[in-house]
PDB file of N, CA and C in Angstrom:
ATOM      1  N   MET A   1       6.581 101.461  68.269  1.00  0.00           N
ATOM      2  CA  MET A   1       7.181 102.345  69.272  1.00  0.00           C
ATOM      3  C   MET A   1       8.051 103.401  68.606  1.00  0.00           C
ATOM      4  N   ILE A   2       8.834 102.999  67.610  1.00  0.00           N
ATOM      5  CA  ILE A   2       9.765 103.928  66.975  1.00  0.00           C
ATOM      6  C   ILE A   2       9.014 105.060  66.274  1.00  0.00           C
ATOM      7  N   GLU A   3       7.796 104.801  65.825  1.00  0.00           N
ATOM      8  CA  GLU A   3       7.032 105.843  65.146  1.00  0.00           C
ATOM      9  C   GLU A   3       6.557 106.908  66.116  1.00  0.00           C
ATOM     10  N   HIS A   4       6.429 106.571  67.396  1.00  0.00           N
ATOM     11  CA  HIS A   4       5.878 107.510  68.365  1.00  0.00           C
ATOM     12  C   HIS A   4       6.947 108.206  69.200  1.00  0.00           C
ATOM     13  N   VAL A   5       8.032 107.539  69.465  1.00  0.00           N
ATOM     14  CA  VAL A   5       9.102 108.146  70.272  1.00  0.00           C
ATOM     15  C   VAL A   5      10.438 107.940  69.565  1.00  0.00           C
ATOM     16  N   SER A   6      11.392 108.747  69.934  1.00  0.00           N
ATOM     17  CA  SER A   6      12.728 108.633  69.363  1.00  0.00           C
ATOM     18  C   SER A   6      13.426 107.396  69.917  1.00  0.00           C
ATOM     19  N   TRP A   7      14.394 106.873  69.173  1.00  0.00           N
ATOM     20  CA  TRP A   7      15.135 105.696  69.624  1.00  0.00           C
ATOM     21  C   TRP A   7      15.899 105.993  70.905  1.00  0.00           C
ATOM     22  N   ARG A   8      16.263 107.241  71.114  1.00  0.00           N
ATOM     23  CA  ARG A   8      16.986 107.607  72.344  1.00  0.00           C
ATOM     24  C   ARG A   8      16.106 107.383  73.580  1.00  0.00           C
ATOM     25  N   TRP A   9      14.814 107.677  73.433  1.00  0.00           N
ATOM     26  CA  TRP A   9      13.908 107.487  74.567  1.00  0.00           C
ATOM     27  C   TRP A   9      13.731 106.007  74.894  1.00  0.00           C
ATOM     28  N   LEU A  10      13.837 105.156  73.889  1.00  0.00           N
ATOM     29  CA  LEU A  10      13.755 103.723  74.160  1.00  0.00           C
ATOM     30  C   LEU A  10      14.932 103.263  75.009  1.00  0.00           C
ATOM     31  N   PHE A  11      16.130 103.767  74.691  1.00  0.00           N
ATOM     32  CA  PHE A  11      17.290 103.404  75.499  1.00  0.00           C
ATOM     33  C   PHE A  11      17.201 103.991  76.904  1.00  0.00           C
ATOM     34  N   ILE A  12      16.731 105.211  77.027  1.00  0.00           N
ATOM     35  CA  ILE A  12      16.573 105.825  78.347  1.00  0.00           C
ATOM     36  C   ILE A  12      15.509 105.085  79.154  1.00  0.00           C
ATOM     37  N   GLY A  13      14.460 104.626  78.466  1.00  0.00           N
ATOM     38  CA  GLY A  13      13.403 103.870  79.144  1.00  0.00           C
ATOM     39  C   GLY A  13      13.865 102.514  79.642  1.00  0.00           C
ATOM     40  N   MET A  14      14.928 101.990  79.080  1.00  0.00           N
ATOM     41  CA  MET A  14      15.460 100.703  79.522  1.00  0.00           C
ATOM     42  C   MET A  14      16.254 100.804  80.818  1.00  0.00           C
ATOM     43  N   ILE A  15      16.685 101.983  81.191  1.00  0.00           N
ATOM     44  CA  ILE A  15      17.521 102.143  82.387  1.00  0.00           C
ATOM     45  C   ILE A  15      16.812 101.654  83.652  1.00  0.00           C
ATOM     46  N   PRO A  16      15.546 102.032  83.927  1.00  0.00           N
ATOM     47  CA  PRO A  16      14.893 101.500  85.137  1.00  0.00           C
ATOM     48  C   PRO A  16      14.774  99.974  85.122  1.00  0.00           C
ATOM     49  N   LEU A  17      14.478  99.397  83.962  1.00  0.00           N
ATOM     50  CA  LEU A  17      14.393  97.948  83.860  1.00  0.00           C
ATOM     51  C   LEU A  17      15.755  97.317  84.124  1.00  0.00           C
ATOM     52  N   LEU A  18      16.797  97.915  83.615  1.00  0.00           N
ATOM     53  CA  LEU A  18      18.150  97.424  83.837  1.00  0.00           C
ATOM     54  C   LEU A  18      18.513  97.457  85.318  1.00  0.00           C
ATOM     55  N   VAL A  19      18.167  98.518  85.995  1.00  0.00           N
ATOM     56  CA  VAL A  19      18.459  98.631  87.432  1.00  0.00           C
ATOM     57  C   VAL A  19      17.704  97.556  88.207  1.00  0.00           C
ATOM     58  N   ILE A  20      16.446  97.331  87.868  1.00  0.00           N
ATOM     59  CA  ILE A  20      15.648  96.309  88.551  1.00  0.00           C
ATOM     60  C   ILE A  20      16.244  94.924  88.345  1.00  0.00           C
ATOM     61  N   VAL A  21      16.643  94.619  87.115  1.00  0.00           N
ATOM     62  CA  VAL A  21      17.225  93.310  86.821  1.00  0.00           C
ATOM     63  C   VAL A  21      18.539  93.124  87.570  1.00  0.00           C
ATOM     64  N   ILE A  22      19.380  94.136  87.610  1.00  0.00           N
ATOM     65  CA  ILE A  22      20.653  94.033  88.332  1.00  0.00           C
ATOM     66  C   ILE A  22      20.414  93.818  89.820  1.00  0.00           C
ATOM     67  N   LEU A  23      19.494  94.567  90.405  1.00  0.00           N
ATOM     68  CA  LEU A  23      19.213  94.409  91.832  1.00  0.00           C
ATOM     69  C   LEU A  23      18.640  93.030  92.150  1.00  0.00           C
ATOM     70  N   LEU A  24      17.736  92.545  91.308  1.00  0.00           N
ATOM     71  CA  LEU A  24      17.173  91.211  91.538  1.00  0.00           C
ATOM     72  C   LEU A  24      18.226  90.118  91.356  1.00  0.00           C
ATOM     73  N   SER A  25      19.131  90.309  90.400  1.00  0.00           N
ATOM     74  CA  SER A  25      20.169  89.302  90.201  1.00  0.00           C
ATOM     75  C   SER A  25      21.156  89.284  91.363  1.00  0.00           C
ATOM     76  N   ILE A  26      21.468  90.437  91.912  1.00  0.00           N
ATOM     77  CA  ILE A  26      22.348  90.475  93.085  1.00  0.00           C
ATOM     78  C   ILE A  26      21.674  89.776  94.257  1.00  0.00           C
ATOM     79  N   ARG A  27      20.389  89.942  94.368  1.00  0.00           N
ATOM     80  CA  ARG A  27      19.645  89.382  95.505  1.00  0.00           C
ATOM     81  C   ARG A  27      19.470  87.868  95.392  1.00  0.00           C
ATOM     82  N   TYR A  28      19.118  87.373  94.209  1.00  0.00           N
ATOM     83  CA  TYR A  28      18.696  85.989  94.091  1.00  0.00           C
ATOM     84  C   TYR A  28      19.701  85.044  93.432  1.00  0.00           C
ATOM     85  N   LEU A  29      20.664  85.540  92.694  1.00  0.00           N
ATOM     86  CA  LEU A  29      21.635  84.657  92.070  1.00  0.00           C
ATOM     87  C   LEU A  29      22.794  84.407  93.021  1.00  0.00           C
ATOM     88  N   THR A  30      23.185  83.153  93.104  1.00  0.00           N
ATOM     89  CA  THR A  30      24.297  82.808  93.980  1.00  0.00           C
ATOM     90  C   THR A  30      25.412  82.186  93.165  1.00  0.00           C
ATOM     91  N   ASN A  31      26.623  82.319  93.653  1.00  0.00           N
ATOM     92  CA  ASN A  31      27.772  81.731  92.997  1.00  0.00           C
ATOM     93  C   ASN A  31      27.857  80.268  93.407  1.00  0.00           C
ATOM     94  N   VAL A  32      27.700  79.375  92.438  1.00  0.00           N
ATOM     95  CA  VAL A  32      27.683  77.951  92.749  1.00  0.00           C
ATOM     96  C   VAL A  32      29.006  77.271  92.447  1.00  0.00           C
ATOM     97  N   SER A  33      29.927  77.986  91.859  1.00  0.00           N
ATOM     98  CA  SER A  33      31.203  77.363  91.523  1.00  0.00           C
ATOM     99  C   SER A  33      32.266  77.745  92.552  1.00  0.00           C
ATOM    100  N   GLU A  34      33.174  76.835  92.751  1.00  0.00           N
ATOM    101  CA  GLU A  34      34.288  77.117  93.640  1.00  0.00           C
ATOM    102  C   GLU A  34      35.458  77.610  92.807  1.00  0.00           C
ATOM    103  N   THR A  35      36.157  78.581  93.312  1.00  0.00           N
ATOM    104  CA  THR A  35      37.307  79.094  92.574  1.00  0.00           C
ATOM    105  C   THR A  35      38.481  78.142  92.725  1.00  0.00           C
ATOM    106  N   SER A  36      39.190  77.973  91.641  1.00  0.00           N
ATOM    107  CA  SER A  36      40.367  77.118  91.659  1.00  0.00           C
ATOM    108  C   SER A  36      41.417  77.741  90.760  1.00  0.00           C
ATOM    109  N   LYS A  37      42.628  77.297  90.924  1.00  0.00           N
ATOM    110  CA  LYS A  37      43.720  77.808  90.100  1.00  0.00           C
ATOM    111  C   LYS A  37      44.285  76.641  89.289  1.00  0.00           C
ATOM    112  N   PRO A  38      43.670  76.369  88.131  1.00  0.00           N
ATOM    113  CA  PRO A  38      44.162  75.258  87.327  1.00  0.00           C
ATOM    114  C   PRO A  38      45.509  75.592  86.689  1.00  0.00           C
ATOM    115  N   LYS A  39      46.261  74.560  86.382  1.00  0.00           N
ATOM    116  CA  LYS A  39      47.539  74.750  85.712  1.00  0.00           C
ATOM    117  C   LYS A  39      47.295  75.083  84.245  1.00  0.00           C
ATOM    118  N   ALA A  40      48.248  75.768  83.645  1.00  0.00           N
ATOM    119  CA  ALA A  40      48.135  76.124  82.235  1.00  0.00           C
ATOM    120  C   ALA A  40      48.223  74.869  81.381  1.00  0.00           C
ATOM    121  N   ASP A  41      47.346  74.772  80.408  1.00  0.00           N
ATOM    122  CA  ASP A  41      47.328  73.643  79.492  1.00  0.00           C
ATOM    123  C   ASP A  41      48.257  73.959  78.325  1.00  0.00           C
ATOM    124  N   ILE A  42      49.501  73.554  78.438  1.00  0.00           N
ATOM    125  CA  ILE A  42      50.520  73.886  77.446  1.00  0.00           C
ATOM    126  C   ILE A  42      50.163  73.305  76.078  1.00  0.00           C
ATOM    127  N   LEU A  43      49.704  72.073  76.040  1.00  0.00           N
ATOM    128  CA  LEU A  43      49.348  71.454  74.764  1.00  0.00           C
ATOM    129  C   LEU A  43      48.193  72.209  74.093  1.00  0.00           C
ATOM    130  N   GLY A  44      47.222  72.647  74.876  1.00  0.00           N
ATOM    131  CA  GLY A  44      46.111  73.421  74.328  1.00  0.00           C
ATOM    132  C   GLY A  44      46.567  74.765  73.778  1.00  0.00           C
ATOM    133  N   ILE A  45      47.516  75.393  74.457  1.00  0.00           N
ATOM    134  CA  ILE A  45      48.058  76.668  73.970  1.00  0.00           C
ATOM    135  C   ILE A  45      48.775  76.466  72.650  1.00  0.00           C
ATOM    136  N   VAL A  46      49.556  75.390  72.558  1.00  0.00           N
ATOM    137  CA  VAL A  46      50.281  75.106  71.315  1.00  0.00           C
ATOM    138  C   VAL A  46      49.297  74.831  70.186  1.00  0.00           C
ATOM    139  N   TYR A  47      48.266  74.018  70.432  1.00  0.00           N
ATOM    140  CA  TYR A  47      47.286  73.696  69.396  1.00  0.00           C
ATOM    141  C   TYR A  47      46.514  74.939  68.939  1.00  0.00           C
ATOM    142  N   SER A  48      46.072  75.764  69.864  1.00  0.00           N
ATOM    143  CA  SER A  48      45.287  76.934  69.475  1.00  0.00           C
ATOM    144  C   SER A  48      46.139  77.956  68.740  1.00  0.00           C
ATOM    145  N   THR A  49      47.397  78.105  69.134  1.00  0.00           N
ATOM    146  CA  THR A  49      48.278  79.036  68.436  1.00  0.00           C
ATOM    147  C   THR A  49      48.557  78.564  67.021  1.00  0.00           C
ATOM    148  N   SER A  50      48.876  77.293  66.874  1.00  0.00           N
ATOM    149  CA  SER A  50      49.166  76.779  65.533  1.00  0.00           C
ATOM    150  C   SER A  50      47.906  76.755  64.667  1.00  0.00           C
ATOM    151  N   GLY A  51      46.759  76.474  65.249  1.00  0.00           N
ATOM    152  CA  GLY A  51      45.507  76.488  64.490  1.00  0.00           C
ATOM    153  C   GLY A  51      45.143  77.884  64.024  1.00  0.00           C
ATOM    154  N   SER A  52      45.348  78.881  64.878  1.00  0.00           N
ATOM    155  CA  SER A  52      45.076  80.264  64.483  1.00  0.00           C
ATOM    156  C   SER A  52      46.004  80.694  63.365  1.00  0.00           C
ATOM    157  N   GLU A  53      47.278  80.362  63.492  1.00  0.00           N
ATOM    158  CA  GLU A  53      48.224  80.736  62.449  1.00  0.00           C
ATOM    159  C   GLU A  53      47.911  80.030  61.138  1.00  0.00           C
ATOM    160  N   ALA A  54      47.477  78.781  61.207  1.00  0.00           N
ATOM    161  CA  ALA A  54      47.120  78.051  59.985  1.00  0.00           C
ATOM    162  C   ALA A  54      45.914  78.689  59.312  1.00  0.00           C
ATOM    163  N   SER A  55      44.908  79.100  60.083  1.00  0.00           N
ATOM    164  CA  SER A  55      43.741  79.723  59.461  1.00  0.00           C
ATOM    165  C   SER A  55      44.079  81.089  58.877  1.00  0.00           C
ATOM    166  N   PHE A  56      44.968  81.837  59.509  1.00  0.00           N
ATOM    167  CA  PHE A  56      45.386  83.114  58.934  1.00  0.00           C
ATOM    168  C   PHE A  56      46.147  82.888  57.634  1.00  0.00           C
ATOM    169  N   SER A  57      46.957  81.847  57.595  1.00  0.00           N
ATOM    170  CA  SER A  57      47.702  81.537  56.374  1.00  0.00           C
ATOM    171  C   SER A  57      46.756  81.148  55.246  1.00  0.00           C
ATOM    172  N   VAL A  58      45.719  80.375  55.558  1.00  0.00           N
ATOM    173  CA  VAL A  58      44.749  79.973  54.545  1.00  0.00           C
ATOM    174  C   VAL A  58      43.990  81.182  54.015  1.00  0.00           C
ATOM    175  N   LEU A  59      43.663  82.123  54.884  1.00  0.00           N
ATOM    176  CA  LEU A  59      42.949  83.315  54.439  1.00  0.00           C
ATOM    177  C   LEU A  59      43.842  84.212  53.586  1.00  0.00           C
ATOM    178  N   ALA A  60      45.128  84.207  53.816  1.00  0.00           N
ATOM    179  CA  ALA A  60      46.037  85.049  53.045  1.00  0.00           C
ATOM    180  C   ALA A  60      46.458  84.396  51.737  1.00  0.00           C
ATOM    181  N   THR A  61      46.220  83.120  51.563  1.00  0.00           N
ATOM    182  CA  THR A  61      46.661  82.389  50.373  1.00  0.00           C
ATOM    183  C   THR A  61      46.048  82.907  49.067  1.00  0.00           C
ATOM    184  N   PRO A  62      44.760  83.254  48.981  1.00  0.00           N
ATOM    185  CA  PRO A  62      44.214  83.696  47.685  1.00  0.00           C
ATOM    186  C   PRO A  62      44.941  84.899  47.095  1.00  0.00           C
ATOM    187  N   ALA A  63      45.556  85.725  47.908  1.00  0.00           N
ATOM    188  CA  ALA A  63      46.271  86.885  47.394  1.00  0.00           C
ATOM    189  C   ALA A  63      47.530  86.458  46.663  1.00  0.00           C
ATOM    190  N   ALA A  64      48.109  85.334  47.028  1.00  0.00           N
ATOM    191  CA  ALA A  64      49.351  84.892  46.419  1.00  0.00           C
ATOM    192  C   ALA A  64      49.123  83.968  45.233  1.00  0.00           C
ATOM    193  N   VAL A  65      47.939  83.409  45.090  1.00  0.00           N
ATOM    194  CA  VAL A  65      47.673  82.426  44.041  1.00  0.00           C
ATOM    195  C   VAL A  65      46.824  83.055  42.942  1.00  0.00           C
ATOM    196  N   ASP A  66      47.262  82.953  41.703  1.00  0.00           N
ATOM    197  CA  ASP A  66      46.489  83.369  40.520  1.00  0.00           C
ATOM    198  C   ASP A  66      46.009  84.807  40.577  1.00  0.00           C
ATOM    199  N   GLY A  67      46.716  85.663  41.242  1.00  0.00           N
ATOM    200  CA  GLY A  67      46.307  87.069  41.286  1.00  0.00           C
ATOM    201  C   GLY A  67      44.955  87.261  41.930  1.00  0.00           C
ATOM    202  N   GLY A  68      44.651  86.476  42.937  1.00  0.00           N
ATOM    203  CA  GLY A  68      43.362  86.576  43.618  1.00  0.00           C
ATOM    204  C   GLY A  68      43.218  87.878  44.352  1.00  0.00           C
ATOM    205  N   MET A  69      42.119  88.018  45.062  1.00  0.00           N
ATOM    206  CA  MET A  69      41.884  89.266  45.773  1.00  0.00           C
ATOM    207  C   MET A  69      42.899  89.417  46.901  1.00  0.00           C
ATOM    208  N   PRO A  70      43.281  90.633  47.218  1.00  0.00           N
ATOM    209  CA  PRO A  70      44.243  90.838  48.298  1.00  0.00           C
ATOM    210  C   PRO A  70      43.661  90.436  49.645  1.00  0.00           C
ATOM    211  N   SER A  71      44.538  90.017  50.542  1.00  0.00           N
ATOM    212  CA  SER A  71      44.061  89.545  51.842  1.00  0.00           C
ATOM    213  C   SER A  71      43.401  90.641  52.642  1.00  0.00           C
ATOM    214  N   SER A  72      43.684  91.910  52.341  1.00  0.00           N
ATOM    215  CA  SER A  72      43.039  92.996  53.067  1.00  0.00           C
ATOM    216  C   SER A  72      41.547  93.057  52.765  1.00  0.00           C
ATOM    217  N   CYS A  73      41.123  92.503  51.637  1.00  0.00           N
ATOM    218  CA  CYS A  73      39.688  92.470  51.307  1.00  0.00           C
ATOM    219  C   CYS A  73      38.946  91.447  52.128  1.00  0.00           C
ATOM    220  N   LEU A  74      39.656  90.461  52.675  1.00  0.00           N
ATOM    221  CA  LEU A  74      39.012  89.425  53.479  1.00  0.00           C
ATOM    222  C   LEU A  74      38.725  89.886  54.893  1.00  0.00           C
ATOM    223  N   VAL A  75      39.384  90.904  55.340  1.00  0.00           N
ATOM    224  CA  VAL A  75      39.247  91.355  56.723  1.00  0.00           C
ATOM    225  C   VAL A  75      38.110  92.275  56.884  1.00  0.00           C
TER     226      VAL A  75
END
């Protein structure tokens, strides 16, 4: 396809298909879940925050040990 038409035409050609899929999904898909307002999981917030900070610290460690690569190279 790319040899015969430009990549832009492929994206433009997807628009009618996208419209059809959206219309069919609005028509046939139903919401099966009930909305609820759960309480905040404080322990989960603490664990995820400390885990994220620990992984950032581990990624920054090579810059401080043995003249390793700077942490900006890891990002």
